[in-house]
Every structure is written in C-alpha cells, then in structure tokens.
Amino acid sequence: MLYFEKTGTVIYRSKPSVKTRWNFEVFTALDFIAAVTNHISDKGFQMVRYDCRYSNKCRGMKAKSILQEKAEIAKESGIEVIDVSEYGPR
C-alpha cells in the first residue's frame, strides 16, 4: 500500500484480480477508507470462521482418509488392525 500525500491517493497492491486481471487499485484516501471499513461486519453478526480447508467437515474427511491409508499399509504388511471406534466408555 502506498499513500501519496500530494495527490491524496492510495495505491493498494494485491494478487491479480480475476475480474480485472490487475494487481493494484488506485483510490482516493476517503474511498480507500470506505472500501476497507466495508468489510467490518455489523455488531452481533455471526461470521463464518472456518471455510473449506479448515472446516470441521474437511478436517474430519482428511483424518478419515489418513486412517484408511494407514489401515491399508498395515494390511499389506500383515499387521492386524482392530477397529474400536464403535465402542464407547463404560
């Protein structure tokens, strides 16, 4: 981010946008503040904290696939694997 005090403009650099295919945007100082504060959520608004890779579902599916891979490796090497996931505490 660069701010030019003489002209009152802000140049914001980021990854290339899919829509514009540019990696920068030129704002006036007030427009930049408005664009940044636009991303602040309302008071009491429930935000999505984890999406995609970090969601509970994806983490569970990843853990399940790792367990299946370990079971296949153990089966190939002749080790007996006992599944105790269905058993709960007494």
C-alpha atoms as a PDB file:
ATOM      1  CA  MET A   1       0.000   0.000   0.000  1.00  0.00           C
ATOM      2  CA  LEU A   2       1.380   3.385  -0.973  1.00  0.00           C
ATOM      3  CA  TYR A   3      -0.010   6.770   0.043  1.00  0.00           C
ATOM      4  CA  PHE A   4       0.840   9.897  -1.925  1.00  0.00           C
ATOM      5  CA  GLU A   5       0.227  12.910   0.269  1.00  0.00           C
ATOM      6  CA  LYS A   6       0.478  15.495  -2.538  1.00  0.00           C
ATOM      7  CA  THR A   7      -2.332  13.968  -4.608  1.00  0.00           C
ATOM      8  CA  GLY A   8      -4.210  12.297  -1.733  1.00  0.00           C
ATOM      9  CA  THR A   9      -4.282   8.922  -3.489  1.00  0.00           C
ATOM     10  CA  VAL A  10      -3.665   5.408  -2.223  1.00  0.00           C
ATOM     11  CA  ILE A  11      -2.311   2.583  -4.382  1.00  0.00           C
ATOM     12  CA  TYR A  12      -3.274  -0.803  -2.969  1.00  0.00           C
ATOM     13  CA  ARG A  13      -1.389  -3.823  -4.345  1.00  0.00           C
ATOM     14  CA  SER A  14      -2.605  -7.405  -4.044  1.00  0.00           C
ATOM     15  CA  LYS A  15      -2.819 -10.622  -6.019  1.00  0.00           C
ATOM     16  CA  PRO A  16      -4.149 -10.233  -9.575  1.00  0.00           C
ATOM     17  CA  SER A  17      -7.927  -9.983  -9.590  1.00  0.00           C
ATOM     18  CA  VAL A  18      -9.900 -12.492 -11.659  1.00  0.00           C
ATOM     19  CA  LYS A  19     -12.301  -9.777 -12.764  1.00  0.00           C
ATOM     20  CA  THR A  20      -9.839  -7.036 -13.697  1.00  0.00           C
ATOM     21  CA  ARG A  21      -6.595  -9.055 -14.025  1.00  0.00           C
ATOM     22  CA  TRP A  22      -4.684  -6.209 -12.330  1.00  0.00           C
ATOM     23  CA  ASN A  23      -2.637  -6.456  -9.178  1.00  0.00           C
ATOM     24  CA  PHE A  24      -3.286  -2.892  -7.986  1.00  0.00           C
ATOM     25  CA  GLU A  25      -6.104  -0.431  -7.412  1.00  0.00           C
ATOM     26  CA  VAL A  26      -5.928   3.378  -7.135  1.00  0.00           C
ATOM     27  CA  PHE A  27      -8.200   5.054  -4.561  1.00  0.00           C
ATOM     28  CA  THR A  28      -8.638   8.477  -3.131  1.00  0.00           C
ATOM     29  CA  ALA A  29      -7.935   8.472   0.602  1.00  0.00           C
ATOM     30  CA  LEU A  30     -11.628   8.609   1.557  1.00  0.00           C
ATOM     31  CA  ASP A  31     -12.614   5.928  -0.957  1.00  0.00           C
ATOM     32  CA  PHE A  32      -9.894   3.626   0.415  1.00  0.00           C
ATOM     33  CA  ILE A  33     -11.134   4.063   3.987  1.00  0.00           C
ATOM     34  CA  ALA A  34     -14.686   3.368   2.798  1.00  0.00           C
ATOM     35  CA  ALA A  35     -13.567   0.207   0.968  1.00  0.00           C
ATOM     36  CA  VAL A  36     -11.678  -1.100   3.995  1.00  0.00           C
ATOM     37  CA  THR A  37     -14.450  -0.349   6.504  1.00  0.00           C
ATOM     38  CA  ASN A  38     -16.960  -2.026   4.181  1.00  0.00           C
ATOM     39  CA  HIS A  39     -15.510  -5.379   5.313  1.00  0.00           C
ATOM     40  CA  ILE A  40     -16.253  -4.760   9.004  1.00  0.00           C
ATOM     41  CA  SER A  41     -19.320  -6.761   9.992  1.00  0.00           C
ATOM     42  CA  ASP A  42     -22.289  -5.395  11.914  1.00  0.00           C
ATOM     43  CA  LYS A  43     -22.391  -5.699  15.691  1.00  0.00           C
ATOM     44  CA  GLY A  44     -23.641  -9.140  16.736  1.00  0.00           C
ATOM     45  CA  PHE A  45     -23.358 -10.554  13.216  1.00  0.00           C
ATOM     46  CA  GLN A  46     -22.403 -14.253  13.090  1.00  0.00           C
ATOM     47  CA  MET A  47     -19.394 -14.673  10.811  1.00  0.00           C
ATOM     48  CA  VAL A  48     -18.195 -17.841   9.129  1.00  0.00           C
ATOM     49  CA  ARG A  49     -14.888 -18.542  10.812  1.00  0.00           C
ATOM     50  CA  TYR A  50     -13.690 -21.620   9.001  1.00  0.00           C
ATOM     51  CA  ASP A  51     -14.437 -22.341   5.375  1.00  0.00           C
ATOM     52  CA  CYS A  52     -13.203 -25.028   3.032  1.00  0.00           C
ATOM     53  CA  ARG A  53      -9.896 -26.476   4.195  1.00  0.00           C
ATOM     54  CA  TYR A  54     -10.310 -25.514   7.869  1.00  0.00           C
ATOM     55  CA  SER A  55     -13.954 -26.510   8.304  1.00  0.00           C
ATOM     56  CA  ASN A  56     -14.839 -29.363  10.643  1.00  0.00           C
ATOM     57  CA  LYS A  57     -16.136 -31.463   7.759  1.00  0.00           C
ATOM     58  CA  CYS A  58     -12.953 -31.181   5.678  1.00  0.00           C
ATOM     59  CA  ARG A  59     -10.719 -31.841   8.679  1.00  0.00           C
ATOM     60  CA  GLY A  60     -12.777 -34.938   9.539  1.00  0.00           C
ATOM     61  CA  MET A  61     -12.677 -36.234   5.976  1.00  0.00           C
ATOM     62  CA  LYS A  62      -8.899 -35.694   5.873  1.00  0.00           C
ATOM     63  CA  ALA A  63      -8.430 -37.575   9.159  1.00  0.00           C
ATOM     64  CA  LYS A  64     -10.616 -40.425   7.907  1.00  0.00           C
ATOM     65  CA  SER A  65      -8.617 -40.742   4.682  1.00  0.00           C
ATOM     66  CA  ILE A  66      -5.351 -40.813   6.660  1.00  0.00           C
ATOM     67  CA  LEU A  67      -6.718 -43.603   8.880  1.00  0.00           C
ATOM     68  CA  GLN A  68      -7.785 -45.587   5.817  1.00  0.00           C
ATOM     69  CA  GLU A  69      -4.324 -45.197   4.271  1.00  0.00           C
ATOM     70  CA  LYS A  70      -2.690 -46.393   7.491  1.00  0.00           C
ATOM     71  CA  ALA A  71      -5.054 -49.382   7.627  1.00  0.00           C
ATOM     72  CA  GLU A  72      -4.182 -50.329   4.033  1.00  0.00           C
ATOM     73  CA  ILE A  73      -0.453 -50.099   4.794  1.00  0.00           C
ATOM     74  CA  ALA A  74      -0.919 -52.234   7.900  1.00  0.00           C
ATOM     75  CA  LYS A  75      -2.968 -54.795   5.939  1.00  0.00           C
ATOM     76  CA  GLU A  76      -0.265 -55.040   3.268  1.00  0.00           C
ATOM     77  CA  SER A  77       2.432 -55.585   5.887  1.00  0.00           C
ATOM     78  CA  GLY A  78       0.404 -58.313   7.652  1.00  0.00           C
ATOM     79  CA  ILE A  79      -0.492 -56.353  10.801  1.00  0.00           C
ATOM     80  CA  GLU A  80      -3.999 -56.936  12.182  1.00  0.00           C
ATOM     81  CA  VAL A  81      -5.928 -53.708  12.815  1.00  0.00           C
ATOM     82  CA  ILE A  82      -8.749 -53.741  15.359  1.00  0.00           C
ATOM     83  CA  ASP A  83     -11.442 -51.060  14.924  1.00  0.00           C
ATOM     84  CA  VAL A  84     -12.633 -49.795  18.307  1.00  0.00           C
ATOM     85  CA  SER A  85     -14.338 -46.633  17.061  1.00  0.00           C
ATOM     86  CA  GLU A  86     -17.827 -48.020  17.740  1.00  0.00           C
ATOM     87  CA  TYR A  87     -17.109 -48.757  21.386  1.00  0.00           C
ATOM     88  CA  GLY A  88     -17.865 -46.026  23.910  1.00  0.00           C
ATOM     89  CA  PRO A  89     -16.924 -45.528  27.538  1.00  0.00           C
ATOM     90  CA  ARG A  90     -18.445 -47.862  30.121  1.00  0.00           C
END
